[in-house]
Amino acid sequence: MFTLCNMAKQKKLINATIKGIIQPMLQSQKQLKPQRHFYLRTKIKKALPHYDAHPDYEAFLEVMEDKDMLEGLDNEFDINDDDATKLATDLWVEVLRETDDYTDAIITM
């Protein structure tokens, strides 16, 4: 999470970056789907205030609350409409990249 926050602050957080950081941590047969990118971007946005206050790795680990990071998107209430629209647009673009069939893309969404 620290690395992802660092990339977000540098404006270098794209879906390929998220996948490159997270995929090695997943089981070998499990793929990181575009919906998870949306979920992770939401979690990163929530973690950024902790990162800003504690840019050192060890200090960041001490203040991060695992509970906040483990809760699902249903518990996210502090995301505004603009943020939700941006995240949904990013997800849609990622889904479209994976298929040439718009019907399949809509079903995936």
PDB file of N, CA and C in Angstrom:
ATOM      1  N   MET A   1       0.825  -1.180   0.000  1.00  0.00           N
ATOM      2  CA  MET A   1       0.000   0.000   0.000  1.00  0.00           C
ATOM      3  C   MET A   1       0.882   1.262   0.000  1.00  0.00           C
ATOM      4  N   PHE A   2       1.978   1.190   0.725  1.00  0.00           N
ATOM      5  CA  PHE A   2       2.899   2.323   0.770  1.00  0.00           C
ATOM      6  C   PHE A   2       3.404   2.668  -0.630  1.00  0.00           C
ATOM      7  N   THR A   3       3.805   1.663  -1.383  1.00  0.00           N
ATOM      8  CA  THR A   3       4.307   1.886  -2.745  1.00  0.00           C
ATOM      9  C   THR A   3       3.226   2.463  -3.641  1.00  0.00           C
ATOM     10  N   LEU A   4       2.016   1.958  -3.531  1.00  0.00           N
ATOM     11  CA  LEU A   4       0.911   2.470  -4.341  1.00  0.00           C
ATOM     12  C   LEU A   4       0.598   3.926  -3.992  1.00  0.00           C
ATOM     13  N   CYS A   5       0.640   4.265  -2.714  1.00  0.00           N
ATOM     14  CA  CYS A   5       0.431   5.657  -2.313  1.00  0.00           C
ATOM     15  C   CYS A   5       1.532   6.556  -2.865  1.00  0.00           C
ATOM     16  N   ASN A   6       2.746   6.068  -2.818  1.00  0.00           N
ATOM     17  CA  ASN A   6       3.877   6.817  -3.363  1.00  0.00           C
ATOM     18  C   ASN A   6       3.673   7.086  -4.855  1.00  0.00           C
ATOM     19  N   MET A   7       3.257   6.082  -5.592  1.00  0.00           N
ATOM     20  CA  MET A   7       3.010   6.240  -7.025  1.00  0.00           C
ATOM     21  C   MET A   7       1.854   7.212  -7.273  1.00  0.00           C
ATOM     22  N   ALA A   8       0.828   7.163  -6.446  1.00  0.00           N
ATOM     23  CA  ALA A   8      -0.312   8.073  -6.596  1.00  0.00           C
ATOM     24  C   ALA A   8       0.125   9.524  -6.376  1.00  0.00           C
ATOM     25  N   LYS A   9       0.973   9.751  -5.410  1.00  0.00           N
ATOM     26  CA  LYS A   9       1.453  11.114  -5.146  1.00  0.00           C
ATOM     27  C   LYS A   9       2.304  11.639  -6.296  1.00  0.00           C
ATOM     28  N   GLN A  10       2.977  10.746  -6.999  1.00  0.00           N
ATOM     29  CA  GLN A  10       3.806  11.140  -8.136  1.00  0.00           C
ATOM     30  C   GLN A  10       3.003  11.201  -9.437  1.00  0.00           C
ATOM     31  N   LYS A  11       1.691  10.968  -9.336  1.00  0.00           N
ATOM     32  CA  LYS A  11       0.796  10.970 -10.514  1.00  0.00           C
ATOM     33  C   LYS A  11       1.183   9.886 -11.513  1.00  0.00           C
ATOM     34  N   LYS A  12       1.717   8.777 -11.018  1.00  0.00           N
ATOM     35  CA  LYS A  12       2.135   7.675 -11.877  1.00  0.00           C
ATOM     36  C   LYS A  12       1.312   6.415 -11.625  1.00  0.00           C
ATOM     37  N   LEU A  13       0.174   6.565 -10.982  1.00  0.00           N
ATOM     38  CA  LEU A  13      -0.636   5.400 -10.640  1.00  0.00           C
ATOM     39  C   LEU A  13      -1.606   5.094 -11.775  1.00  0.00           C
ATOM     40  N   ILE A  14      -1.210   4.170 -12.616  1.00  0.00           N
ATOM     41  CA  ILE A  14      -2.071   3.716 -13.697  1.00  0.00           C
ATOM     42  C   ILE A  14      -2.390   2.245 -13.419  1.00  0.00           C
ATOM     43  N   ASN A  15      -3.349   1.712 -14.139  1.00  0.00           N
ATOM     44  CA  ASN A  15      -3.751   0.330 -13.887  1.00  0.00           C
ATOM     45  C   ASN A  15      -2.594  -0.647 -14.078  1.00  0.00           C
ATOM     46  N   ALA A  16      -1.723  -0.391 -15.035  1.00  0.00           N
ATOM     47  CA  ALA A  16      -0.570  -1.274 -15.253  1.00  0.00           C
ATOM     48  C   ALA A  16       0.361  -1.262 -14.035  1.00  0.00           C
ATOM     49  N   THR A  17       0.504  -0.102 -13.401  1.00  0.00           N
ATOM     50  CA  THR A  17       1.336   0.001 -12.200  1.00  0.00           C
ATOM     51  C   THR A  17       0.717  -0.793 -11.062  1.00  0.00           C
ATOM     52  N   ILE A  18      -0.589  -0.623 -10.878  1.00  0.00           N
ATOM     53  CA  ILE A  18      -1.284  -1.367  -9.824  1.00  0.00           C
ATOM     54  C   ILE A  18      -1.102  -2.867 -10.050  1.00  0.00           C
ATOM     55  N   LYS A  19      -1.312  -3.296 -11.280  1.00  0.00           N
ATOM     56  CA  LYS A  19      -1.189  -4.718 -11.598  1.00  0.00           C
ATOM     57  C   LYS A  19       0.235  -5.208 -11.360  1.00  0.00           C
ATOM     58  N   GLY A  20       1.225  -4.405 -11.752  1.00  0.00           N
ATOM     59  CA  GLY A  20       2.614  -4.795 -11.572  1.00  0.00           C
ATOM     60  C   GLY A  20       3.015  -4.944 -10.119  1.00  0.00           C
ATOM     61  N   ILE A  21       2.407  -4.164  -9.249  1.00  0.00           N
ATOM     62  CA  ILE A  21       2.735  -4.228  -7.825  1.00  0.00           C
ATOM     63  C   ILE A  21       1.939  -5.323  -7.116  1.00  0.00           C
ATOM     64  N   ILE A  22       0.662  -5.447  -7.441  1.00  0.00           N
ATOM     65  CA  ILE A  22      -0.221  -6.371  -6.725  1.00  0.00           C
ATOM     66  C   ILE A  22      -0.148  -7.806  -7.254  1.00  0.00           C
ATOM     67  N   GLN A  23      -0.053  -7.972  -8.564  1.00  0.00           N
ATOM     68  CA  GLN A  23      -0.106  -9.317  -9.159  1.00  0.00           C
ATOM     69  C   GLN A  23       0.901 -10.297  -8.557  1.00  0.00           C
ATOM     70  N   PRO A  24       2.164  -9.903  -8.307  1.00  0.00           N
ATOM     71  CA  PRO A  24       3.108 -10.868  -7.710  1.00  0.00           C
ATOM     72  C   PRO A  24       2.694 -11.347  -6.320  1.00  0.00           C
ATOM     73  N   MET A  25       1.834 -10.605  -5.636  1.00  0.00           N
ATOM     74  CA  MET A  25       1.397 -11.003  -4.303  1.00  0.00           C
ATOM     75  C   MET A  25       0.221 -11.976  -4.336  1.00  0.00           C
ATOM     76  N   LEU A  26      -0.425 -12.099  -5.495  1.00  0.00           N
ATOM     77  CA  LEU A  26      -1.581 -12.979  -5.627  1.00  0.00           C
ATOM     78  C   LEU A  26      -1.135 -14.401  -5.944  1.00  0.00           C
ATOM     79  N   GLN A  27      -2.040 -15.347  -5.740  1.00  0.00           N
ATOM     80  CA  GLN A  27      -1.758 -16.721  -6.124  1.00  0.00           C
ATOM     81  C   GLN A  27      -1.494 -16.760  -7.626  1.00  0.00           C
ATOM     82  N   SER A  28      -0.682 -17.695  -8.059  1.00  0.00           N
ATOM     83  CA  SER A  28      -0.247 -17.719  -9.460  1.00  0.00           C
ATOM     84  C   SER A  28      -1.405 -17.829 -10.447  1.00  0.00           C
ATOM     85  N   GLN A  29      -2.475 -18.513 -10.094  1.00  0.00           N
ATOM     86  CA  GLN A  29      -3.585 -18.674 -11.024  1.00  0.00           C
ATOM     87  C   GLN A  29      -4.613 -17.541 -10.935  1.00  0.00           C
ATOM     88  N   LYS A  30      -4.478 -16.661  -9.992  1.00  0.00           N
ATOM     89  CA  LYS A  30      -5.454 -15.585  -9.814  1.00  0.00           C
ATOM     90  C   LYS A  30      -5.006 -14.334 -10.575  1.00  0.00           C
ATOM     91  N   GLN A  31      -5.891 -13.799 -11.391  1.00  0.00           N
ATOM     92  CA  GLN A  31      -5.601 -12.593 -12.169  1.00  0.00           C
ATOM     93  C   GLN A  31      -6.264 -11.379 -11.524  1.00  0.00           C
ATOM     94  N   LEU A  32      -5.611 -10.245 -11.622  1.00  0.00           N
ATOM     95  CA  LEU A  32      -6.146  -8.996 -11.096  1.00  0.00           C
ATOM     96  C   LEU A  32      -7.104  -8.416 -12.133  1.00  0.00           C
ATOM     97  N   LYS A  33      -8.375  -8.414 -11.829  1.00  0.00           N
ATOM     98  CA  LYS A  33      -9.401  -7.964 -12.761  1.00  0.00           C
ATOM     99  C   LYS A  33      -9.594  -6.459 -12.652  1.00  0.00           C
ATOM    100  N   PRO A  34     -10.160  -5.829 -13.700  1.00  0.00           N
ATOM    101  CA  PRO A  34     -10.371  -4.374 -13.682  1.00  0.00           C
ATOM    102  C   PRO A  34     -11.218  -3.892 -12.496  1.00  0.00           C
ATOM    103  N   GLN A  35     -12.153  -4.704 -12.051  1.00  0.00           N
ATOM    104  CA  GLN A  35     -12.971  -4.300 -10.907  1.00  0.00           C
ATOM    105  C   GLN A  35     -12.119  -4.134  -9.659  1.00  0.00           C
ATOM    106  N   ARG A  36     -11.091  -4.954  -9.536  1.00  0.00           N
ATOM    107  CA  ARG A  36     -10.188  -4.841  -8.386  1.00  0.00           C
ATOM    108  C   ARG A  36      -9.345  -3.571  -8.474  1.00  0.00           C
ATOM    109  N   HIS A  37      -9.045  -3.121  -9.697  1.00  0.00           N
ATOM    110  CA  HIS A  37      -8.329  -1.850  -9.849  1.00  0.00           C
ATOM    111  C   HIS A  37      -9.157  -0.732  -9.232  1.00  0.00           C
ATOM    112  N   PHE A  38     -10.449  -0.728  -9.509  1.00  0.00           N
ATOM    113  CA  PHE A  38     -11.354   0.276  -8.938  1.00  0.00           C
ATOM    114  C   PHE A  38     -11.312   0.212  -7.410  1.00  0.00           C
ATOM    115  N   TYR A  39     -11.430  -0.982  -6.889  1.00  0.00           N
ATOM    116  CA  TYR A  39     -11.404  -1.193  -5.441  1.00  0.00           C
ATOM    117  C   TYR A  39     -10.085  -0.699  -4.842  1.00  0.00           C
ATOM    118  N   LEU A  40      -8.985  -1.049  -5.474  1.00  0.00           N
ATOM    119  CA  LEU A  40      -7.675  -0.641  -4.961  1.00  0.00           C
ATOM    120  C   LEU A  40      -7.476   0.867  -5.049  1.00  0.00           C
ATOM    121  N   ARG A  41      -7.933   1.494  -6.127  1.00  0.00           N
ATOM    122  CA  ARG A  41      -7.831   2.953  -6.229  1.00  0.00           C
ATOM    123  C   ARG A  41      -8.606   3.632  -5.097  1.00  0.00           C
ATOM    124  N   THR A  42      -9.749   3.078  -4.746  1.00  0.00           N
ATOM    125  CA  THR A  42     -10.533   3.625  -3.642  1.00  0.00           C
ATOM    126  C   THR A  42      -9.782   3.495  -2.330  1.00  0.00           C
ATOM    127  N   LYS A  43      -9.175   2.347  -2.111  1.00  0.00           N
ATOM    128  CA  LYS A  43      -8.402   2.125  -0.889  1.00  0.00           C
ATOM    129  C   LYS A  43      -7.163   3.027  -0.842  1.00  0.00           C
ATOM    130  N   ILE A  44      -6.524   3.229  -1.983  1.00  0.00           N
ATOM    131  CA  ILE A  44      -5.352   4.112  -2.038  1.00  0.00           C
ATOM    132  C   ILE A  44      -5.765   5.538  -1.706  1.00  0.00           C
ATOM    133  N   LYS A  45      -6.895   5.975  -2.260  1.00  0.00           N
ATOM    134  CA  LYS A  45      -7.392   7.323  -1.968  1.00  0.00           C
ATOM    135  C   LYS A  45      -7.638   7.484  -0.475  1.00  0.00           C
ATOM    136  N   LYS A  46      -8.145   6.443   0.151  1.00  0.00           N
ATOM    137  CA  LYS A  46      -8.394   6.486   1.592  1.00  0.00           C
ATOM    138  C   LYS A  46      -7.092   6.488   2.399  1.00  0.00           C
ATOM    139  N   ALA A  47      -6.049   5.854   1.862  1.00  0.00           N
ATOM    140  CA  ALA A  47      -4.772   5.761   2.578  1.00  0.00           C
ATOM    141  C   ALA A  47      -3.888   6.990   2.383  1.00  0.00           C
ATOM    142  N   LEU A  48      -4.156   7.812   1.382  1.00  0.00           N
ATOM    143  CA  LEU A  48      -3.282   8.956   1.088  1.00  0.00           C
ATOM    144  C   LEU A  48      -3.107   9.929   2.257  1.00  0.00           C
ATOM    145  N   PRO A  49      -4.149  10.253   3.023  1.00  0.00           N
ATOM    146  CA  PRO A  49      -3.907  11.140   4.176  1.00  0.00           C
ATOM    147  C   PRO A  49      -2.907  10.556   5.179  1.00  0.00           C
ATOM    148  N   HIS A  50      -2.947   9.238   5.378  1.00  0.00           N
ATOM    149  CA  HIS A  50      -1.974   8.585   6.258  1.00  0.00           C
ATOM    150  C   HIS A  50      -0.571   8.710   5.665  1.00  0.00           C
ATOM    151  N   TYR A  51      -0.478   8.529   4.348  1.00  0.00           N
ATOM    152  CA  TYR A  51       0.819   8.623   3.668  1.00  0.00           C
ATOM    153  C   TYR A  51       1.372  10.049   3.756  1.00  0.00           C
ATOM    154  N   ASP A  52       0.507  11.049   3.550  1.00  0.00           N
ATOM    155  CA  ASP A  52       0.951  12.445   3.621  1.00  0.00           C
ATOM    156  C   ASP A  52       1.480  12.799   5.004  1.00  0.00           C
ATOM    157  N   ALA A  53       0.803  12.292   6.031  1.00  0.00           N
ATOM    158  CA  ALA A  53       1.209  12.599   7.400  1.00  0.00           C
ATOM    159  C   ALA A  53       2.442  11.805   7.831  1.00  0.00           C
ATOM    160  N   HIS A  54       2.651  10.648   7.229  1.00  0.00           N
ATOM    161  CA  HIS A  54       3.748   9.762   7.626  1.00  0.00           C
ATOM    162  C   HIS A  54       4.427   9.193   6.379  1.00  0.00           C
ATOM    163  N   PRO A  55       5.251  10.006   5.681  1.00  0.00           N
ATOM    164  CA  PRO A  55       5.866   9.533   4.436  1.00  0.00           C
ATOM    165  C   PRO A  55       6.967   8.490   4.624  1.00  0.00           C
ATOM    166  N   ASP A  56       7.395   8.251   5.857  1.00  0.00           N
ATOM    167  CA  ASP A  56       8.386   7.220   6.128  1.00  0.00           C
ATOM    168  C   ASP A  56       7.676   5.867   6.233  1.00  0.00           C
ATOM    169  N   TYR A  57       8.250   4.833   5.649  1.00  0.00           N
ATOM    170  CA  TYR A  57       7.607   3.526   5.573  1.00  0.00           C
ATOM    171  C   TYR A  57       7.216   2.985   6.950  1.00  0.00           C
ATOM    172  N   GLU A  58       8.144   3.001   7.891  1.00  0.00           N
ATOM    173  CA  GLU A  58       7.869   2.442   9.223  1.00  0.00           C
ATOM    174  C   GLU A  58       6.765   3.225   9.938  1.00  0.00           C
ATOM    175  N   ALA A  59       6.810   4.543   9.843  1.00  0.00           N
ATOM    176  CA  ALA A  59       5.776   5.360  10.473  1.00  0.00           C
ATOM    177  C   ALA A  59       4.426   5.129   9.804  1.00  0.00           C
ATOM    178  N   PHE A  60       4.428   4.963   8.496  1.00  0.00           N
ATOM    179  CA  PHE A  60       3.198   4.694   7.753  1.00  0.00           C
ATOM    180  C   PHE A  60       2.559   3.391   8.231  1.00  0.00           C
ATOM    181  N   LEU A  61       3.376   2.352   8.397  1.00  0.00           N
ATOM    182  CA  LEU A  61       2.855   1.064   8.853  1.00  0.00           C
ATOM    183  C   LEU A  61       2.230   1.162  10.235  1.00  0.00           C
ATOM    184  N   GLU A  62       2.818   1.981  11.095  1.00  0.00           N
ATOM    185  CA  GLU A  62       2.312   2.102  12.464  1.00  0.00           C
ATOM    186  C   GLU A  62       0.944   2.762  12.525  1.00  0.00           C
ATOM    187  N   VAL A  63       0.675   3.709  11.627  1.00  0.00           N
ATOM    188  CA  VAL A  63      -0.592   4.444  11.711  1.00  0.00           C
ATOM    189  C   VAL A  63      -1.698   3.861  10.842  1.00  0.00           C
ATOM    190  N   MET A  64      -1.338   3.026   9.891  1.00  0.00           N
ATOM    191  CA  MET A  64      -2.376   2.450   9.035  1.00  0.00           C
ATOM    192  C   MET A  64      -3.251   1.519   9.857  1.00  0.00           C
ATOM    193  N   GLU A  65      -4.544   1.671   9.696  1.00  0.00           N
ATOM    194  CA  GLU A  65      -5.472   0.788  10.382  1.00  0.00           C
ATOM    195  C   GLU A  65      -5.878  -0.308   9.414  1.00  0.00           C
ATOM    196  N   ASP A  66      -5.500  -1.523   9.711  1.00  0.00           N
ATOM    197  CA  ASP A  66      -5.824  -2.638   8.827  1.00  0.00           C
ATOM    198  C   ASP A  66      -7.331  -2.756   8.612  1.00  0.00           C
ATOM    199  N   LYS A  67      -8.096  -2.446   9.638  1.00  0.00           N
ATOM    200  CA  LYS A  67      -9.553  -2.556   9.534  1.00  0.00           C
ATOM    201  C   LYS A  67     -10.065  -1.703   8.376  1.00  0.00           C
ATOM    202  N   ASP A  68      -9.560  -0.471   8.255  1.00  0.00           N
ATOM    203  CA  ASP A  68      -9.993   0.406   7.166  1.00  0.00           C
ATOM    204  C   ASP A  68      -9.647  -0.174   5.811  1.00  0.00           C
ATOM    205  N   MET A  69      -8.519  -0.834   5.724  1.00  0.00           N
ATOM    206  CA  MET A  69      -8.072  -1.351   4.445  1.00  0.00           C
ATOM    207  C   MET A  69      -8.765  -2.666   4.085  1.00  0.00           C
ATOM    208  N   LEU A  70      -9.256  -3.374   5.077  1.00  0.00           N
ATOM    209  CA  LEU A  70      -9.875  -4.664   4.809  1.00  0.00           C
ATOM    210  C   LEU A  70     -11.374  -4.573   4.562  1.00  0.00           C
ATOM    211  N   GLU A  71     -11.998  -3.476   4.951  1.00  0.00           N
ATOM    212  CA  GLU A  71     -13.431  -3.341   4.728  1.00  0.00           C
ATOM    213  C   GLU A  71     -13.722  -3.252   3.244  1.00  0.00           C
ATOM    214  N   GLY A  72     -14.895  -3.672   2.850  1.00  0.00           N
ATOM    215  CA  GLY A  72     -15.289  -3.641   1.453  1.00  0.00           C
ATOM    216  C   GLY A  72     -15.742  -2.265   1.004  1.00  0.00           C
ATOM    217  N   LEU A  73     -16.056  -2.150  -0.285  1.00  0.00           N
ATOM    218  CA  LEU A  73     -16.498  -0.876  -0.838  1.00  0.00           C
ATOM    219  C   LEU A  73     -17.836  -0.429  -0.271  1.00  0.00           C
ATOM    220  N   ASP A  74     -18.636  -1.359   0.235  1.00  0.00           N
ATOM    221  CA  ASP A  74     -19.917  -0.985   0.825  1.00  0.00           C
ATOM    222  C   ASP A  74     -19.724  -0.055   2.018  1.00  0.00           C
ATOM    223  N   ASN A  75     -18.552  -0.115   2.622  1.00  0.00           N
ATOM    224  CA  ASN A  75     -18.265   0.719   3.784  1.00  0.00           C
ATOM    225  C   ASN A  75     -17.660   2.067   3.410  1.00  0.00           C
ATOM    226  N   GLU A  76     -17.470   2.310   2.129  1.00  0.00           N
ATOM    227  CA  GLU A  76     -16.885   3.568   1.674  1.00  0.00           C
ATOM    228  C   GLU A  76     -17.993   4.607   1.524  1.00  0.00           C
ATOM    229  N   PHE A  77     -17.959   5.606   2.361  1.00  0.00           N
ATOM    230  CA  PHE A  77     -18.986   6.643   2.282  1.00  0.00           C
ATOM    231  C   PHE A  77     -18.385   8.017   2.052  1.00  0.00           C
ATOM    232  N   ASP A  78     -17.062   8.116   2.077  1.00  0.00           N
ATOM    233  CA  ASP A  78     -16.436   9.428   1.937  1.00  0.00           C
ATOM    234  C   ASP A  78     -15.887   9.662   0.528  1.00  0.00           C
ATOM    235  N   ILE A  79     -16.405   8.957  -0.456  1.00  0.00           N
ATOM    236  CA  ILE A  79     -15.991   9.180  -1.833  1.00  0.00           C
ATOM    237  C   ILE A  79     -17.071  10.033  -2.495  1.00  0.00           C
ATOM    238  N   ASN A  80     -16.657  11.150  -3.078  1.00  0.00           N
ATOM    239  CA  ASN A  80     -17.654  12.051  -3.672  1.00  0.00           C
ATOM    240  C   ASN A  80     -17.966  11.636  -5.105  1.00  0.00           C
ATOM    241  N   ASP A  81     -18.943  12.291  -5.703  1.00  0.00           N
ATOM    242  CA  ASP A  81     -19.406  11.925  -7.045  1.00  0.00           C
ATOM    243  C   ASP A  81     -18.305  12.051  -8.091  1.00  0.00           C
ATOM    244  N   ASP A  82     -17.498  13.096  -7.995  1.00  0.00           N
ATOM    245  CA  ASP A  82     -16.418  13.274  -8.972  1.00  0.00           C
ATOM    246  C   ASP A  82     -15.411  12.132  -8.901  1.00  0.00           C
ATOM    247  N   ASP A  83     -15.049  11.742  -7.683  1.00  0.00           N
ATOM    248  CA  ASP A  83     -14.111  10.630  -7.515  1.00  0.00           C
ATOM    249  C   ASP A  83     -14.713   9.327  -8.034  1.00  0.00           C
ATOM    250  N   ALA A  84     -15.971   9.095  -7.717  1.00  0.00           N
ATOM    251  CA  ALA A  84     -16.637   7.873  -8.178  1.00  0.00           C
ATOM    252  C   ALA A  84     -16.709   7.835  -9.701  1.00  0.00           C
ATOM    253  N   THR A  85     -17.002   8.976 -10.322  1.00  0.00           N
ATOM    254  CA  THR A  85     -17.069   9.040 -11.781  1.00  0.00           C
ATOM    255  C   THR A  85     -15.707   8.754 -12.397  1.00  0.00           C
ATOM    256  N   LYS A  86     -14.654   9.337 -11.832  1.00  0.00           N
ATOM    257  CA  LYS A  86     -13.296   9.113 -12.350  1.00  0.00           C
ATOM    258  C   LYS A  86     -12.903   7.645 -12.227  1.00  0.00           C
ATOM    259  N   LEU A  87     -13.169   7.054 -11.068  1.00  0.00           N
ATOM    260  CA  LEU A  87     -12.826   5.651 -10.864  1.00  0.00           C
ATOM    261  C   LEU A  87     -13.623   4.739 -11.796  1.00  0.00           C
ATOM    262  N   ALA A  88     -14.911   5.029 -11.970  1.00  0.00           N
ATOM    263  CA  ALA A  88     -15.736   4.216 -12.867  1.00  0.00           C
ATOM    264  C   ALA A  88     -15.276   4.362 -14.318  1.00  0.00           C
ATOM    265  N   THR A  89     -14.896   5.568 -14.715  1.00  0.00           N
ATOM    266  CA  THR A  89     -14.397   5.789 -16.076  1.00  0.00           C
ATOM    267  C   THR A  89     -13.109   5.016 -16.303  1.00  0.00           C
ATOM    268  N   ASP A  90     -12.199   5.051 -15.339  1.00  0.00           N
ATOM    269  CA  ASP A  90     -10.956   4.291 -15.451  1.00  0.00           C
ATOM    270  C   ASP A  90     -11.239   2.792 -15.582  1.00  0.00           C
ATOM    271  N   LEU A  91     -12.194   2.314 -14.797  1.00  0.00           N
ATOM    272  CA  LEU A  91     -12.568   0.903 -14.858  1.00  0.00           C
ATOM    273  C   LEU A  91     -13.126   0.562 -16.233  1.00  0.00           C
ATOM    274  N   TRP A  92     -14.009   1.412 -16.769  1.00  0.00           N
ATOM    275  CA  TRP A  92     -14.614   1.163 -18.075  1.00  0.00           C
ATOM    276  C   TRP A  92     -13.550   1.127 -19.176  1.00  0.00           C
ATOM    277  N   VAL A  93     -12.604   2.059 -19.141  1.00  0.00           N
ATOM    278  CA  VAL A  93     -11.539   2.087 -20.145  1.00  0.00           C
ATOM    279  C   VAL A  93     -10.718   0.804 -20.057  1.00  0.00           C
ATOM    280  N   GLU A  94     -10.431   0.350 -18.858  1.00  0.00           N
ATOM    281  CA  GLU A  94      -9.665  -0.882 -18.675  1.00  0.00           C
ATOM    282  C   GLU A  94     -10.428  -2.086 -19.221  1.00  0.00           C
ATOM    283  N   VAL A  95     -11.729  -2.149 -18.974  1.00  0.00           N
ATOM    284  CA  VAL A  95     -12.539  -3.249 -19.493  1.00  0.00           C
ATOM    285  C   VAL A  95     -12.550  -3.221 -21.014  1.00  0.00           C
ATOM    286  N   LEU A  96     -12.678  -2.042 -21.610  1.00  0.00           N
ATOM    287  CA  LEU A  96     -12.700  -1.922 -23.069  1.00  0.00           C
ATOM    288  C   LEU A  96     -11.381  -2.354 -23.695  1.00  0.00           C
ATOM    289  N   ARG A  97     -10.281  -2.149 -22.993  1.00  0.00           N
ATOM    290  CA  ARG A  97      -8.967  -2.555 -23.512  1.00  0.00           C
ATOM    291  C   ARG A  97      -8.860  -4.077 -23.631  1.00  0.00           C
ATOM    292  N   GLU A  98      -9.610  -4.774 -22.778  1.00  0.00           N
ATOM    293  CA  GLU A  98      -9.496  -6.228 -22.732  1.00  0.00           C
ATOM    294  C   GLU A  98     -10.381  -6.939 -23.732  1.00  0.00           C
ATOM    295  N   THR A  99     -11.281  -6.226 -24.413  1.00  0.00           N
ATOM    296  CA  THR A  99     -12.191  -6.883 -25.355  1.00  0.00           C
ATOM    297  C   THR A  99     -12.530  -5.942 -26.506  1.00  0.00           C
ATOM    298  N   ASP A 100     -12.831  -6.533 -27.636  1.00  0.00           N
ATOM    299  CA  ASP A 100     -13.281  -5.745 -28.784  1.00  0.00           C
ATOM    300  C   ASP A 100     -14.799  -5.738 -28.881  1.00  0.00           C
ATOM    301  N   ASP A 101     -15.449  -6.523 -28.063  1.00  0.00           N
ATOM    302  CA  ASP A 101     -16.895  -6.674 -28.109  1.00  0.00           C
ATOM    303  C   ASP A 101     -17.535  -5.839 -26.996  1.00  0.00           C
ATOM    304  N   TYR A 102     -18.278  -4.814 -27.385  1.00  0.00           N
ATOM    305  CA  TYR A 102     -18.895  -3.930 -26.396  1.00  0.00           C
ATOM    306  C   TYR A 102     -19.927  -4.661 -25.533  1.00  0.00           C
ATOM    307  N   THR A 103     -20.589  -5.657 -26.103  1.00  0.00           N
ATOM    308  CA  THR A 103     -21.554  -6.421 -25.324  1.00  0.00           C
ATOM    309  C   THR A 103     -20.850  -7.157 -24.187  1.00  0.00           C
ATOM    310  N   ASP A 104     -19.713  -7.772 -24.497  1.00  0.00           N
ATOM    311  CA  ASP A 104     -18.928  -8.441 -23.457  1.00  0.00           C
ATOM    312  C   ASP A 104     -18.447  -7.444 -22.412  1.00  0.00           C
ATOM    313  N   ALA A 105     -18.055  -6.256 -22.866  1.00  0.00           N
ATOM    314  CA  ALA A 105     -17.580  -5.222 -21.930  1.00  0.00           C
ATOM    315  C   ALA A 105     -18.692  -4.813 -20.980  1.00  0.00           C
ATOM    316  N   ILE A 106     -19.893  -4.650 -21.500  1.00  0.00           N
ATOM    317  CA  ILE A 106     -21.023  -4.250 -20.646  1.00  0.00           C
ATOM    318  C   ILE A 106     -21.337  -5.354 -19.645  1.00  0.00           C
ATOM    319  N   ILE A 107     -21.287  -6.596 -20.079  1.00  0.00           N
ATOM    320  CA  ILE A 107     -21.543  -7.707 -19.172  1.00  0.00           C
ATOM    321  C   ILE A 107     -20.460  -7.781 -18.098  1.00  0.00           C
ATOM    322  N   THR A 108     -19.211  -7.536 -18.480  1.00  0.00           N
ATOM    323  CA  THR A 108     -18.117  -7.535 -17.517  1.00  0.00           C
ATOM    324  C   THR A 108     -18.317  -6.467 -16.451  1.00  0.00           C
ATOM    325  N   MET A 109     -18.782  -5.304 -16.891  1.00  0.00           N
ATOM    326  CA  MET A 109     -19.035  -4.229 -15.927  1.00  0.00           C
ATOM    327  C   MET A 109     -20.112  -4.637 -14.956  1.00  0.00           C
TER     328      MET A 109
END
